[in-house]
Amino acid sequence: MSHRPTVYGTRHAVSAGHYLAAAAAFSILEGGGNAIDAGCAAGIALAVLQPDLVNFAGVAPIMIRLGDGTTESIAGLGWWPKALPADVFMRAHGGKIPDGVLRTVVPAAPDAWITALRRHGTMRFADVAAPAIRFAKDGFAVYPLLERSIAAHEHEYRRWASNTAIFLPNNRVPRAGEKFVQSDLARTLQFIADADRAAGPDRLDGLAAAHHAFYRGDVAREIVRFQQQEGGYLSMADLAEYQSAIEPVVRRGWRGHELITCGPWCQGPALQQALALVEQVGISGLAHNSADYLHRIVACLNLALADREYHFGDPRFVDVPVDHLLDPATIARRAAAVRDDRAFGQMPAPLDLPNRAHASTDAALPRVEADTSYCCVVDRWGNAFSATPSDGSGNVPVVPGLGITPSGRGSQSRPDPSHPAGVAPGKRPRLTPNPAMLVTQAGGVMPFGTPGGDVQIQAMLQVLLNVMHFGMDVQSAIEAPRVASYSFPSSFAPYEYFPGRLAVEGRIDQATRDELAARGHTIQTWPDWTWLAGSVEAILTDPVSGMMGAGADPRRPAYAIAS
């Protein structure tokens, strides 16, 4: 039995990382908006409701599939300032990317939401931002995970007075149930919404004015003034030039279905590779979450995440061999390394490349950088929306008076410019957020995704297999216990590496954990339920029955609504 039911509807459905974001999107749908309008409303609201994980000036990768099957991704990921010296971190910071403004890349999320609305929406920015403005101005209840997150990063928030004022009101960690207000953020969002309305009756003119207000107007000037005051490199030209790229998606067939992910500017293709490896290795006849099953999927994930480390980066700067990595011959060669009696115990070596040494860490636990949420929507016209907005607020300063932290996503670049994900002026970091969709053999669609950094594709793979291989309903598939490997360098600075480490939710029985340990996995036992295992949200439509079922992860304050 699941803790919650799968919610079903015939007209539209939404699932989002916070219940008020889901309600905001649902109100847009009920008011006649489409999935793109509703998805943008949810995504902008998440930047208010989960301010430790998501920022309005952060990143927002988006995937949209229209009712006619047309699919595109809006990268929603900023690039390094053009004036940044490529060697600055190696030369001046000991090969590290420090906290603060030096890790700032161009804020991408506002442009991504506006681009989605301009291309496929029906509403204005002011319409879809209205719920977020209300939540920021009037406040919302602190929930337990927000309280714990702020408490865990209290010392980081205290480094900057502007962060302290927002996240430690009354000079203390806010308690669950207390009202959390973000007045500066409300004014910033209202300023952009007012620019939209002032542009006149034409919707596209309003979207252009909203974009100008952030990227060329008063907001941009205040961002740049503060960045330069703090020693950053972001310029007015960087902001004025920014546009979210419309990137090609990666599509591959699987058992008559089609999995669609974003490209190698994020980790999306690693999900494709892991699924192909699972199919090659085989899981037929294996019991769900048995030692045999978990051992095989973890091995496949470790291979895919190793190739992410060896190859993935901004395709405008790096030749990422996605087609080669997903070629059946390459998949077969990679899968041949999987042994049922023994875990890899370390990151698998690359095929056809010299192996680099990777320093392991002696830390007891992986460093967790708070980031990311997720939302998805399907509407009555068959449009589907999938987005993973992100960027936490603990490692970069809030711009005083604006209530936003310009994207600190530079933490996902490598300081060494020679790395595929290495720093370069105008280059994008390799992003962990990666919205996805599955188009079913019957013609249905399943937008799905999760927060969780390097756990993201691991949680997504397990939920996908729970639904499509084991036949679980969406909510049961989401709630089933999960595992996560850390046997590769983290995507976040300081890029910690835990050879052979496998985290396992406590609901997976001790005998299974013992058997995995006997095969060479270094087991780290998680609680029965933990937010560290991700927070998968998903909607699955069934054209045969005309129903759509939505699920949301109880590991975080996520909720689904359908009608």
Protein backbone atom coordinates (compact mmCIF):
# COMPACT_ATOMS: atom_id res chain seq x y z
CA MET A 1 0.00 0.00 0.00
CA SER A 2 1.15 3.51 -0.77
CA HIS A 3 0.90 6.42 1.65
CA ARG A 4 -1.08 8.38 -0.92
CA PRO A 5 -3.25 7.37 -3.86
CA THR A 6 -2.34 7.93 -7.47
CA VAL A 7 -4.63 10.83 -8.38
CA TYR A 8 -6.55 10.43 -11.62
CA GLY A 9 -8.24 12.86 -13.97
CA THR A 10 -9.58 13.09 -17.50
CA ARG A 11 -8.81 16.75 -18.30
CA HIS A 12 -5.50 17.77 -16.78
CA ALA A 13 -2.98 16.89 -14.07
CA VAL A 14 -0.04 18.49 -12.32
CA SER A 15 2.63 17.27 -9.92
CA ALA A 16 5.10 19.61 -8.28
CA GLY A 17 7.71 19.74 -5.53
CA HIS A 18 5.49 21.78 -3.19
CA TYR A 19 1.74 21.54 -2.71
CA LEU A 20 1.16 25.28 -3.23
CA ALA A 21 3.06 25.15 -6.53
CA ALA A 22 0.80 22.30 -7.62
CA ALA A 23 -2.24 24.34 -6.57
CA ALA A 24 -0.95 27.37 -8.51
CA ALA A 25 -0.54 25.31 -11.68
CA PHE A 26 -3.94 23.68 -11.20
CA SER A 27 -5.62 27.08 -10.89
CA ILE A 28 -4.07 28.09 -14.22
CA LEU A 29 -5.40 24.92 -15.85
CA GLU A 30 -8.86 25.41 -14.39
CA GLY A 31 -8.76 29.01 -15.66
CA GLY A 32 -8.21 27.88 -19.25
CA GLY A 33 -4.42 27.95 -19.45
CA ASN A 34 -2.45 25.18 -21.08
CA ALA A 35 0.30 22.95 -19.70
CA ILE A 36 3.00 25.46 -20.55
CA ASP A 37 1.24 28.29 -18.72
CA ALA A 38 0.63 26.04 -15.73
CA GLY A 39 4.14 24.61 -15.71
CA CYS A 40 5.68 28.08 -15.71
CA ALA A 41 3.38 29.10 -12.85
CA ALA A 42 4.49 26.07 -10.83
CA GLY A 43 8.16 26.61 -11.63
CA ILE A 44 8.16 30.29 -10.66
CA ALA A 45 6.22 29.45 -7.49
CA LEU A 46 8.81 26.84 -6.53
CA ALA A 47 11.44 29.61 -6.50
CA VAL A 48 9.44 31.20 -3.69
CA LEU A 49 8.22 28.10 -1.87
CA GLN A 50 11.53 26.21 -1.89
CA PRO A 51 13.99 29.12 -1.66
CA ASP A 52 16.74 26.91 -0.25
CA LEU A 53 16.56 24.72 -3.37
CA VAL A 54 15.34 26.92 -6.22
CA ASN A 55 15.96 30.53 -7.20
CA PHE A 56 14.10 32.73 -9.63
CA ALA A 57 17.50 33.83 -10.98
CA GLY A 58 18.80 30.26 -11.17
CA VAL A 59 18.47 27.57 -13.83
CA ALA A 60 15.29 26.08 -15.30
CA PRO A 61 15.74 23.32 -17.90
CA ILE A 62 12.39 22.66 -19.57
CA MET A 63 11.07 19.93 -21.88
CA ILE A 64 7.84 20.48 -23.79
CA ARG A 65 5.92 17.96 -25.88
CA LEU A 66 2.98 19.41 -27.76
CA GLY A 67 -0.20 17.51 -28.51
CA ASP A 68 0.99 16.91 -32.08
CA GLY A 69 4.14 15.17 -30.82
CA THR A 70 6.55 18.04 -31.44
CA THR A 71 9.14 17.95 -28.66
CA GLU A 72 11.84 20.42 -27.67
CA SER A 73 14.00 21.32 -24.73
CA ILE A 74 14.71 24.83 -23.50
CA ALA A 75 18.12 24.61 -21.87
CA GLY A 76 17.50 27.25 -19.18
CA LEU A 77 21.19 27.13 -18.21
CA GLY A 78 23.47 30.15 -18.09
CA TRP A 79 27.07 30.43 -19.24
CA TRP A 80 30.18 31.66 -17.51
CA PRO A 81 30.74 35.44 -17.80
CA LYS A 82 32.63 36.31 -20.96
CA ALA A 83 35.29 38.19 -18.96
CA LEU A 84 36.09 35.25 -16.66
CA PRO A 85 39.73 34.12 -17.08
CA ALA A 86 39.62 30.41 -17.92
CA ASP A 87 42.51 29.64 -15.57
CA VAL A 88 41.32 31.75 -12.64
CA PHE A 89 40.40 28.83 -10.37
CA MET A 90 43.53 26.82 -11.09
CA ARG A 91 45.79 29.87 -10.84
CA ALA A 92 44.29 31.87 -8.00
CA HIS A 93 42.14 29.43 -5.96
CA GLY A 94 44.17 26.25 -5.67
CA GLY A 95 42.09 24.33 -8.17
CA LYS A 96 38.85 24.99 -6.29
CA ILE A 97 35.70 26.94 -7.11
CA PRO A 98 35.01 29.00 -3.98
CA ASP A 99 31.62 29.91 -2.60
CA GLY A 100 30.36 33.38 -3.45
CA VAL A 101 30.00 35.43 -6.61
CA LEU A 102 32.93 33.80 -8.41
CA ARG A 103 30.76 30.74 -9.10
CA THR A 104 28.03 32.88 -10.71
CA VAL A 105 26.89 32.08 -14.25
CA VAL A 106 24.30 34.11 -16.16
CA PRO A 107 20.83 33.73 -14.57
CA ALA A 108 18.80 31.61 -16.98
CA ALA A 109 15.48 30.78 -15.36
CA PRO A 110 13.61 34.05 -16.09
CA ASP A 111 14.49 33.78 -19.78
CA ALA A 112 13.54 30.08 -19.85
CA TRP A 113 10.05 30.69 -18.41
CA ILE A 114 9.48 33.64 -20.76
CA THR A 115 10.78 31.65 -23.75
CA ALA A 116 8.38 28.79 -22.97
CA LEU A 117 5.46 31.22 -22.66
CA ARG A 118 6.41 33.05 -25.84
CA ARG A 119 6.74 29.88 -27.93
CA HIS A 120 3.90 27.75 -26.59
CA GLY A 121 1.96 29.52 -23.83
CA THR A 122 -1.28 31.49 -23.92
CA MET A 123 -0.84 33.73 -20.88
CA ARG A 124 1.29 36.67 -19.83
CA PHE A 125 4.16 36.61 -17.35
CA ALA A 126 2.06 38.64 -14.90
CA ASP A 127 -0.68 35.98 -15.02
CA VAL A 128 1.55 32.99 -14.31
CA ALA A 129 3.71 34.83 -11.74
CA ALA A 130 0.72 36.03 -9.70
CA PRO A 131 0.66 33.04 -7.31
CA ALA A 132 4.41 33.31 -6.69
CA ILE A 133 4.10 37.02 -5.96
CA ARG A 134 1.36 36.29 -3.43
CA PHE A 135 3.34 33.52 -1.74
CA ALA A 136 6.38 35.83 -1.47
CA LYS A 137 4.44 38.85 -0.25
CA ASP A 138 1.93 37.22 2.08
CA GLY A 139 4.16 34.32 3.10
CA PHE A 140 3.62 30.58 3.48
CA ALA A 141 4.12 28.07 6.27
CA VAL A 142 7.64 26.83 6.91
CA TYR A 143 7.57 23.05 6.40
CA PRO A 144 9.84 20.57 8.24
CA LEU A 145 12.26 20.02 5.35
CA LEU A 146 12.77 23.77 4.90
CA GLU A 147 13.46 24.15 8.61
CA ARG A 148 15.98 21.30 8.53
CA SER A 149 17.64 22.60 5.37
CA ILE A 150 18.13 26.11 6.71
CA ALA A 151 19.40 24.72 10.02
CA ALA A 152 21.92 22.51 8.21
CA HIS A 153 23.25 25.50 6.25
CA GLU A 154 22.84 28.16 8.95
CA HIS A 155 26.56 28.93 9.07
CA GLU A 156 26.56 29.45 5.30
CA TYR A 157 23.60 31.82 5.37
CA ARG A 158 25.27 33.86 8.09
CA ARG A 159 28.21 34.73 5.82
CA TRP A 160 26.14 37.40 4.08
CA ALA A 161 23.83 39.89 5.77
CA SER A 162 21.38 39.76 2.85
CA ASN A 163 21.02 35.96 3.20
CA THR A 164 20.74 36.16 6.97
CA ALA A 165 17.90 38.69 6.76
CA ILE A 166 15.77 36.35 4.63
CA PHE A 167 16.63 32.87 5.86
CA LEU A 168 17.24 33.64 9.54
CA PRO A 169 14.47 36.09 10.42
CA ASN A 170 14.71 37.25 14.02
CA ASN A 171 18.30 35.98 13.81
CA ARG A 172 17.30 32.30 14.09
CA VAL A 173 16.25 29.34 12.01
CA PRO A 174 12.51 29.63 11.26
CA ARG A 175 10.41 26.88 12.78
CA ALA A 176 7.93 24.63 11.00
CA GLY A 177 4.52 26.26 10.92
CA GLU A 178 5.83 29.81 11.11
CA LYS A 179 5.14 32.24 8.26
CA PHE A 180 8.02 32.74 5.82
CA VAL A 181 7.89 36.06 3.96
CA GLN A 182 10.18 37.28 1.14
CA SER A 183 9.25 40.92 0.63
CA ASP A 184 12.20 41.84 -1.60
CA LEU A 185 11.53 38.91 -3.89
CA ALA A 186 7.86 39.87 -4.07
CA ARG A 187 8.82 43.38 -5.17
CA THR A 188 11.23 42.05 -7.81
CA LEU A 189 8.61 39.72 -9.30
CA GLN A 190 5.99 42.47 -9.14
CA PHE A 191 8.35 44.88 -10.92
CA ILE A 192 8.72 42.41 -13.79
CA ALA A 193 4.96 41.73 -13.86
CA ASP A 194 4.27 45.50 -13.92
CA ALA A 195 6.61 45.88 -16.90
CA ASP A 196 4.59 43.19 -18.67
CA ARG A 197 1.27 44.95 -18.01
CA ALA A 198 2.64 48.39 -18.92
CA ALA A 199 3.61 47.16 -22.38
CA GLY A 200 -0.02 47.20 -23.50
CA PRO A 201 -2.54 44.60 -24.58
CA ASP A 202 -0.28 42.48 -26.79
CA ARG A 203 0.90 39.38 -24.92
CA LEU A 204 4.18 39.06 -26.78
CA ASP A 205 5.01 42.71 -26.21
CA GLY A 206 4.41 42.14 -22.52
CA LEU A 207 6.71 39.12 -22.43
CA ALA A 208 9.42 41.13 -24.20
CA ALA A 209 9.02 43.92 -21.65
CA ALA A 210 9.24 41.48 -18.75
CA HIS A 211 12.41 40.02 -20.24
CA HIS A 212 13.89 43.50 -20.70
CA ALA A 213 13.08 44.42 -17.09
CA PHE A 214 15.20 41.54 -15.81
CA TYR A 215 18.00 41.32 -18.38
CA ARG A 216 18.50 44.94 -19.44
CA GLY A 217 16.65 47.11 -16.94
CA ASP A 218 16.84 47.97 -13.27
CA VAL A 219 17.08 44.37 -12.08
CA ALA A 220 20.07 43.69 -14.34
CA ARG A 221 21.83 46.87 -13.23
CA GLU A 222 21.41 46.00 -9.56
CA ILE A 223 22.63 42.44 -10.10
CA VAL A 224 25.76 43.60 -11.94
CA ARG A 225 26.50 46.39 -9.47
CA PHE A 226 26.45 43.93 -6.59
CA GLN A 227 28.38 41.23 -8.45
CA GLN A 228 31.17 43.63 -9.33
CA GLN A 229 31.21 45.07 -5.82
CA GLU A 230 31.77 41.53 -4.53
CA GLY A 231 34.53 40.77 -7.06
CA GLY A 232 32.49 38.88 -9.66
CA TYR A 233 32.79 38.99 -13.44
CA LEU A 234 29.13 39.16 -14.54
CA SER A 235 28.44 42.14 -16.81
CA MET A 236 25.46 43.93 -18.33
CA ALA A 237 26.54 42.54 -21.70
CA ASP A 238 26.40 38.98 -20.35
CA LEU A 239 22.82 39.53 -19.22
CA ALA A 240 21.70 41.42 -22.33
CA GLU A 241 23.08 38.73 -24.67
CA TYR A 242 21.57 35.77 -22.85
CA GLN A 243 18.98 33.54 -24.52
CA SER A 244 18.13 30.00 -23.49
CA ALA A 245 19.09 27.67 -26.30
CA ILE A 246 16.39 25.53 -27.91
CA GLU A 247 18.32 22.29 -27.74
CA PRO A 248 17.68 19.01 -29.56
CA VAL A 249 16.36 16.22 -27.39
CA VAL A 250 17.81 12.72 -27.23
CA ARG A 251 15.30 10.02 -28.19
CA ARG A 252 15.70 6.26 -28.01
CA GLY A 253 13.26 3.38 -28.29
CA TRP A 254 12.82 0.92 -25.44
CA ARG A 255 10.38 -2.01 -25.53
CA GLY A 256 8.14 -0.14 -27.97
CA HIS A 257 8.17 3.03 -25.87
CA GLU A 258 10.33 6.09 -26.50
CA LEU A 259 12.43 7.73 -23.79
CA ILE A 260 13.16 11.44 -24.36
CA THR A 261 15.85 13.28 -22.43
CA CYS A 262 17.74 16.53 -22.77
CA GLY A 263 21.19 16.60 -24.32
CA PRO A 264 24.68 16.26 -22.78
CA TRP A 265 24.74 19.85 -21.52
CA CYS A 266 23.00 18.08 -18.61
CA GLN A 267 23.16 14.48 -17.43
CA GLY A 268 20.03 13.44 -19.37
CA PRO A 269 21.74 11.06 -21.84
CA ALA A 270 23.16 9.10 -18.90
CA LEU A 271 19.59 8.00 -18.14
CA GLN A 272 19.32 6.76 -21.73
CA GLN A 273 22.58 4.87 -21.39
CA ALA A 274 21.68 3.34 -18.02
CA LEU A 275 18.33 2.11 -19.36
CA ALA A 276 19.99 0.61 -22.46
CA LEU A 277 22.57 -1.13 -20.26
CA VAL A 278 19.85 -2.53 -18.01
CA GLU A 279 18.11 -3.94 -21.07
CA GLN A 280 21.38 -5.43 -22.32
CA VAL A 281 22.27 -7.01 -18.97
CA GLY A 282 18.70 -8.17 -18.40
CA ILE A 283 16.38 -8.01 -15.41
CA SER A 284 13.61 -10.38 -16.51
CA GLY A 285 12.61 -12.73 -13.75
CA LEU A 286 14.44 -10.81 -11.02
CA ALA A 287 12.38 -9.89 -7.98
CA HIS A 288 11.86 -6.19 -7.34
CA ASN A 289 14.59 -4.75 -5.11
CA SER A 290 16.21 -8.14 -4.68
CA ALA A 291 20.00 -8.22 -4.35
CA ASP A 292 20.34 -9.55 -7.91
CA TYR A 293 18.13 -6.78 -9.31
CA LEU A 294 19.72 -3.93 -7.37
CA HIS A 295 23.24 -5.15 -8.11
CA ARG A 296 22.57 -5.11 -11.86
CA ILE A 297 20.91 -1.72 -12.04
CA VAL A 298 23.61 -0.17 -9.84
CA ALA A 299 26.30 -1.61 -12.10
CA CYS A 300 24.56 -0.10 -15.13
CA LEU A 301 24.21 3.25 -13.39
CA ASN A 302 27.88 3.22 -12.44
CA LEU A 303 28.87 2.62 -16.06
CA ALA A 304 26.61 5.39 -17.33
CA LEU A 305 27.74 7.88 -14.70
CA ALA A 306 31.36 7.03 -15.39
CA ASP A 307 30.82 7.90 -19.05
CA ARG A 308 29.11 11.12 -17.95
CA GLU A 309 32.34 11.96 -16.11
CA TYR A 310 34.53 11.09 -19.06
CA HIS A 311 32.56 12.77 -21.83
CA PHE A 312 29.74 15.16 -20.92
CA GLY A 313 30.03 18.94 -21.22
CA ASP A 314 28.62 21.90 -23.14
CA PRO A 315 28.23 20.59 -26.73
CA ARG A 316 29.13 24.04 -28.05
CA PHE A 317 32.61 23.54 -26.61
CA VAL A 318 33.02 19.76 -26.34
CA ASP A 319 32.38 16.98 -28.86
CA VAL A 320 30.18 14.69 -26.77
CA PRO A 321 29.82 11.28 -28.50
CA VAL A 322 26.20 10.65 -27.51
CA ASP A 323 25.38 8.51 -30.54
CA HIS A 324 28.49 6.41 -29.95
CA LEU A 325 27.74 5.96 -26.24
CA LEU A 326 24.19 4.85 -27.05
CA ASP A 327 25.13 2.69 -30.01
CA PRO A 328 24.08 -0.95 -29.39
CA ALA A 329 27.64 -2.13 -30.03
CA THR A 330 29.02 0.25 -27.40
CA ILE A 331 26.27 -0.72 -24.97
CA ALA A 332 27.18 -4.39 -25.45
CA ARG A 333 30.86 -3.69 -24.83
CA ARG A 334 30.08 -1.68 -21.72
CA ALA A 335 27.61 -4.24 -20.37
CA ALA A 336 30.16 -7.04 -20.73
CA ALA A 337 32.00 -5.60 -17.72
CA VAL A 338 29.07 -6.32 -15.37
CA ARG A 339 29.67 -9.29 -13.05
CA ASP A 340 26.86 -10.73 -10.99
CA ASP A 341 29.22 -11.81 -8.21
CA ARG A 342 31.20 -8.61 -7.77
CA ALA A 343 30.62 -4.86 -7.69
CA PHE A 344 33.01 -2.62 -9.57
CA GLY A 345 34.21 -1.15 -6.26
CA GLN A 346 35.39 1.96 -8.08
CA MET A 347 34.42 4.04 -11.09
CA PRO A 348 34.67 1.86 -14.21
CA ALA A 349 37.47 2.81 -16.59
CA PRO A 350 36.52 4.42 -19.90
CA LEU A 351 36.39 2.65 -23.22
CA ASP A 352 38.97 3.80 -25.78
CA LEU A 353 40.30 6.64 -23.61
CA PRO A 354 43.22 6.91 -21.19
CA ASN A 355 42.02 6.62 -17.62
CA ARG A 356 42.45 9.56 -15.24
CA ALA A 357 43.19 9.14 -11.56
CA HIS A 358 40.38 10.28 -9.27
CA ALA A 359 41.11 11.02 -5.63
CA SER A 360 38.68 9.40 -3.20
CA THR A 361 37.50 11.05 -0.01
CA ASP A 362 37.68 9.91 3.59
CA ALA A 363 34.47 11.72 4.54
CA ALA A 364 31.75 9.67 6.16
CA LEU A 365 28.98 11.10 3.99
CA PRO A 366 28.79 12.77 0.60
CA ARG A 367 28.48 16.53 0.81
CA VAL A 368 24.91 17.45 -0.08
CA GLU A 369 24.41 20.77 -1.81
CA ALA A 370 20.79 21.83 -1.42
CA ASP A 371 19.33 22.36 -4.84
CA THR A 372 16.50 21.68 -7.25
CA SER A 373 12.82 20.90 -7.44
CA TYR A 374 10.58 19.56 -10.19
CA CYS A 375 7.17 20.07 -11.78
CA CYS A 376 5.22 18.46 -14.60
CA VAL A 377 1.85 19.14 -16.23
CA VAL A 378 -0.38 17.49 -18.84
CA ASP A 379 -3.39 19.35 -20.23
CA ARG A 380 -6.62 18.49 -22.02
CA TRP A 381 -5.03 19.17 -25.44
CA GLY A 382 -2.29 16.59 -24.93
CA ASN A 383 0.50 19.08 -24.23
CA ALA A 384 3.05 17.89 -21.66
CA PHE A 385 5.50 20.01 -19.67
CA SER A 386 8.49 18.84 -17.64
CA ALA A 387 10.87 21.19 -15.79
CA THR A 388 13.57 20.99 -13.15
CA PRO A 389 14.14 24.50 -11.74
CA SER A 390 17.09 24.81 -9.43
CA ASP A 391 19.86 26.72 -7.63
CA GLY A 392 20.16 26.88 -3.89
CA SER A 393 20.91 29.96 -1.82
CA GLY A 394 23.50 28.83 0.71
CA ASN A 395 26.68 29.24 -1.31
CA VAL A 396 26.05 32.55 -3.07
CA PRO A 397 24.93 35.93 -1.70
CA VAL A 398 21.45 37.32 -2.14
CA VAL A 399 21.45 40.62 -4.04
CA PRO A 400 20.35 43.17 -1.40
CA GLY A 401 16.93 44.59 -2.15
CA LEU A 402 16.12 42.02 -4.87
CA GLY A 403 15.73 38.83 -2.85
CA ILE A 404 17.38 36.70 -5.55
CA THR A 405 20.71 34.88 -5.81
CA PRO A 406 22.09 34.95 -9.36
CA SER A 407 22.85 31.40 -10.44
CA GLY A 408 25.71 29.74 -8.55
CA ARG A 409 25.58 26.78 -10.93
CA GLY A 410 29.25 27.32 -11.76
CA SER A 411 29.81 24.83 -8.94
CA GLN A 412 29.06 22.12 -11.52
CA SER A 413 31.95 23.09 -13.78
CA ARG A 414 35.40 21.70 -13.11
CA PRO A 415 38.14 24.20 -12.26
CA ASP A 416 40.49 22.54 -14.76
CA PRO A 417 39.64 23.86 -18.26
CA SER A 418 40.91 20.58 -19.80
CA HIS A 419 38.06 18.57 -18.24
CA PRO A 420 35.05 18.06 -20.57
CA ALA A 421 33.00 20.05 -18.03
CA GLY A 422 35.87 22.47 -17.38
CA VAL A 423 35.52 26.22 -16.95
CA ALA A 424 35.66 28.52 -19.98
CA PRO A 425 34.26 31.99 -20.69
CA GLY A 426 30.83 31.64 -22.32
CA LYS A 427 30.67 27.91 -21.56
CA ARG A 428 27.86 26.28 -19.60
CA PRO A 429 28.45 24.00 -16.62
CA ARG A 430 27.39 20.36 -16.92
CA LEU A 431 23.98 20.45 -15.28
CA THR A 432 22.46 17.75 -13.07
CA PRO A 433 18.79 18.86 -13.44
CA ASN A 434 17.34 16.93 -16.37
CA PRO A 435 13.59 16.83 -17.06
CA ALA A 436 12.47 13.81 -19.08
CA MET A 437 9.48 12.18 -20.74
CA LEU A 438 8.45 8.72 -21.82
CA VAL A 439 6.09 8.26 -24.77
CA THR A 440 4.39 4.91 -24.34
CA GLN A 441 3.73 2.31 -26.98
CA ALA A 442 0.02 3.06 -26.63
CA GLY A 443 0.59 6.73 -27.38
CA GLY A 444 0.48 8.03 -23.81
CA VAL A 445 3.07 10.29 -22.27
CA MET A 446 4.84 10.33 -18.90
CA PRO A 447 6.69 13.52 -17.96
CA PHE A 448 8.88 12.78 -14.94
CA GLY A 449 11.87 14.06 -13.04
CA THR A 450 13.32 14.77 -9.61
CA PRO A 451 15.72 16.86 -7.59
CA GLY A 452 18.72 15.18 -6.03
CA GLY A 453 21.91 16.09 -7.92
CA ASP A 454 23.72 12.89 -8.84
CA VAL A 455 20.81 10.85 -7.47
CA GLN A 456 18.46 12.23 -10.11
CA ILE A 457 18.88 9.74 -12.93
CA GLN A 458 19.24 6.94 -10.39
CA ALA A 459 15.85 7.70 -8.86
CA MET A 460 14.31 8.31 -12.28
CA LEU A 461 15.54 4.95 -13.61
CA GLN A 462 14.16 3.07 -10.62
CA VAL A 463 10.75 4.73 -10.85
CA LEU A 464 10.63 4.21 -14.63
CA LEU A 465 11.32 0.50 -14.20
CA ASN A 466 8.83 0.27 -11.33
CA VAL A 467 6.09 1.55 -13.64
CA MET A 468 6.99 0.04 -17.00
CA HIS A 469 8.71 -3.22 -15.99
CA PHE A 470 7.06 -4.14 -12.69
CA GLY A 471 3.64 -2.66 -13.54
CA MET A 472 3.22 -0.47 -10.48
CA ASP A 473 0.86 2.47 -10.47
CA VAL A 474 2.64 5.83 -10.50
CA GLN A 475 2.35 6.60 -6.79
CA SER A 476 3.45 3.13 -5.67
CA ALA A 477 6.39 3.31 -8.08
CA ILE A 478 7.46 6.62 -6.56
CA GLU A 479 7.11 5.47 -2.96
CA ALA A 480 9.02 2.20 -3.38
CA PRO A 481 12.38 2.19 -1.56
CA ARG A 482 15.42 3.28 -3.55
CA VAL A 483 19.20 3.02 -3.64
CA ALA A 484 21.86 5.44 -4.90
CA SER A 485 25.49 4.99 -5.85
CA TYR A 486 28.24 7.53 -5.12
CA SER A 487 31.01 5.60 -6.89
CA PHE A 488 32.03 8.49 -9.16
CA PRO A 489 33.09 12.11 -8.60
CA SER A 490 30.24 14.33 -7.44
CA SER A 491 28.90 16.86 -9.90
CA PHE A 492 29.23 19.56 -7.23
CA ALA A 493 32.35 21.23 -5.92
CA PRO A 494 34.44 19.83 -4.23
CA TYR A 495 33.67 16.79 -6.46
CA GLU A 496 33.91 14.14 -3.75
CA TYR A 497 34.35 10.52 -4.84
CA PHE A 498 33.23 7.53 -2.74
CA PRO A 499 34.46 4.34 -4.48
CA GLY A 500 31.95 1.52 -4.14
CA ARG A 501 29.57 3.52 -1.89
CA LEU A 502 25.92 2.50 -2.15
CA ALA A 503 23.24 4.23 -0.09
CA VAL A 504 20.15 2.12 0.63
CA GLU A 505 16.83 3.18 2.13
CA GLY A 506 16.13 1.25 5.32
CA ARG A 507 12.95 -0.35 4.00
CA ILE A 508 15.15 -2.61 1.87
CA ASP A 509 15.66 -5.57 4.20
CA GLN A 510 18.87 -6.34 6.03
CA ALA A 511 19.40 -9.64 4.19
CA THR A 512 19.44 -7.82 0.86
CA ARG A 513 21.85 -5.22 2.21
CA ASP A 514 24.12 -7.98 3.52
CA GLU A 515 24.09 -9.74 0.16
CA LEU A 516 24.99 -6.50 -1.63
CA ALA A 517 27.82 -5.93 0.82
CA ALA A 518 29.07 -9.49 0.16
CA ARG A 519 29.33 -8.57 -3.52
CA GLY A 520 31.60 -5.63 -2.73
CA HIS A 521 29.22 -2.71 -2.30
CA THR A 522 30.07 -0.42 0.63
CA ILE A 523 26.63 -0.02 2.16
CA GLN A 524 25.49 3.22 3.71
CA THR A 525 22.08 2.75 5.31
CA TRP A 526 19.67 5.62 4.90
CA PRO A 527 16.49 6.06 6.99
CA ASP A 528 13.41 4.23 5.75
CA TRP A 529 12.35 7.41 3.94
CA THR A 530 14.84 10.16 3.05
CA TRP A 531 14.79 13.28 0.91
CA LEU A 532 18.33 12.32 -0.16
CA ALA A 533 16.78 9.61 -2.39
CA GLY A 534 15.18 12.30 -4.56
CA SER A 535 11.60 13.43 -4.97
CA VAL A 536 10.20 11.97 -8.16
CA GLU A 537 7.05 13.48 -9.62
CA ALA A 538 5.30 11.98 -12.64
CA ILE A 539 2.10 11.93 -14.68
CA LEU A 540 1.17 8.99 -16.91
CA THR A 541 -1.59 9.29 -19.50
CA ASP A 542 -3.49 6.34 -20.95
CA PRO A 543 -5.14 7.09 -24.30
CA VAL A 544 -7.07 3.82 -24.15
CA SER A 545 -8.96 4.66 -20.95
CA GLY A 546 -8.75 8.42 -21.36
CA MET A 547 -7.33 8.73 -17.85
CA MET A 548 -4.18 10.37 -16.56
CA GLY A 549 -2.63 9.35 -13.26
CA ALA A 550 -0.31 11.60 -11.27
CA GLY A 551 1.98 10.85 -8.36
CA ALA A 552 4.19 12.89 -6.05
CA ASP A 553 6.97 11.90 -3.69
CA PRO A 554 6.19 12.02 0.05
CA ARG A 555 9.94 12.24 0.76
CA ARG A 556 9.52 16.00 0.21
CA PRO A 557 6.45 18.32 0.33
CA ALA A 558 5.44 17.39 -3.23
CA TYR A 559 1.81 16.94 -4.26
CA ALA A 560 -0.19 15.98 -7.32
CA ILE A 561 -3.63 17.21 -8.41
CA ALA A 562 -5.80 16.01 -11.30
CA SER A 563 -9.27 16.72 -12.60
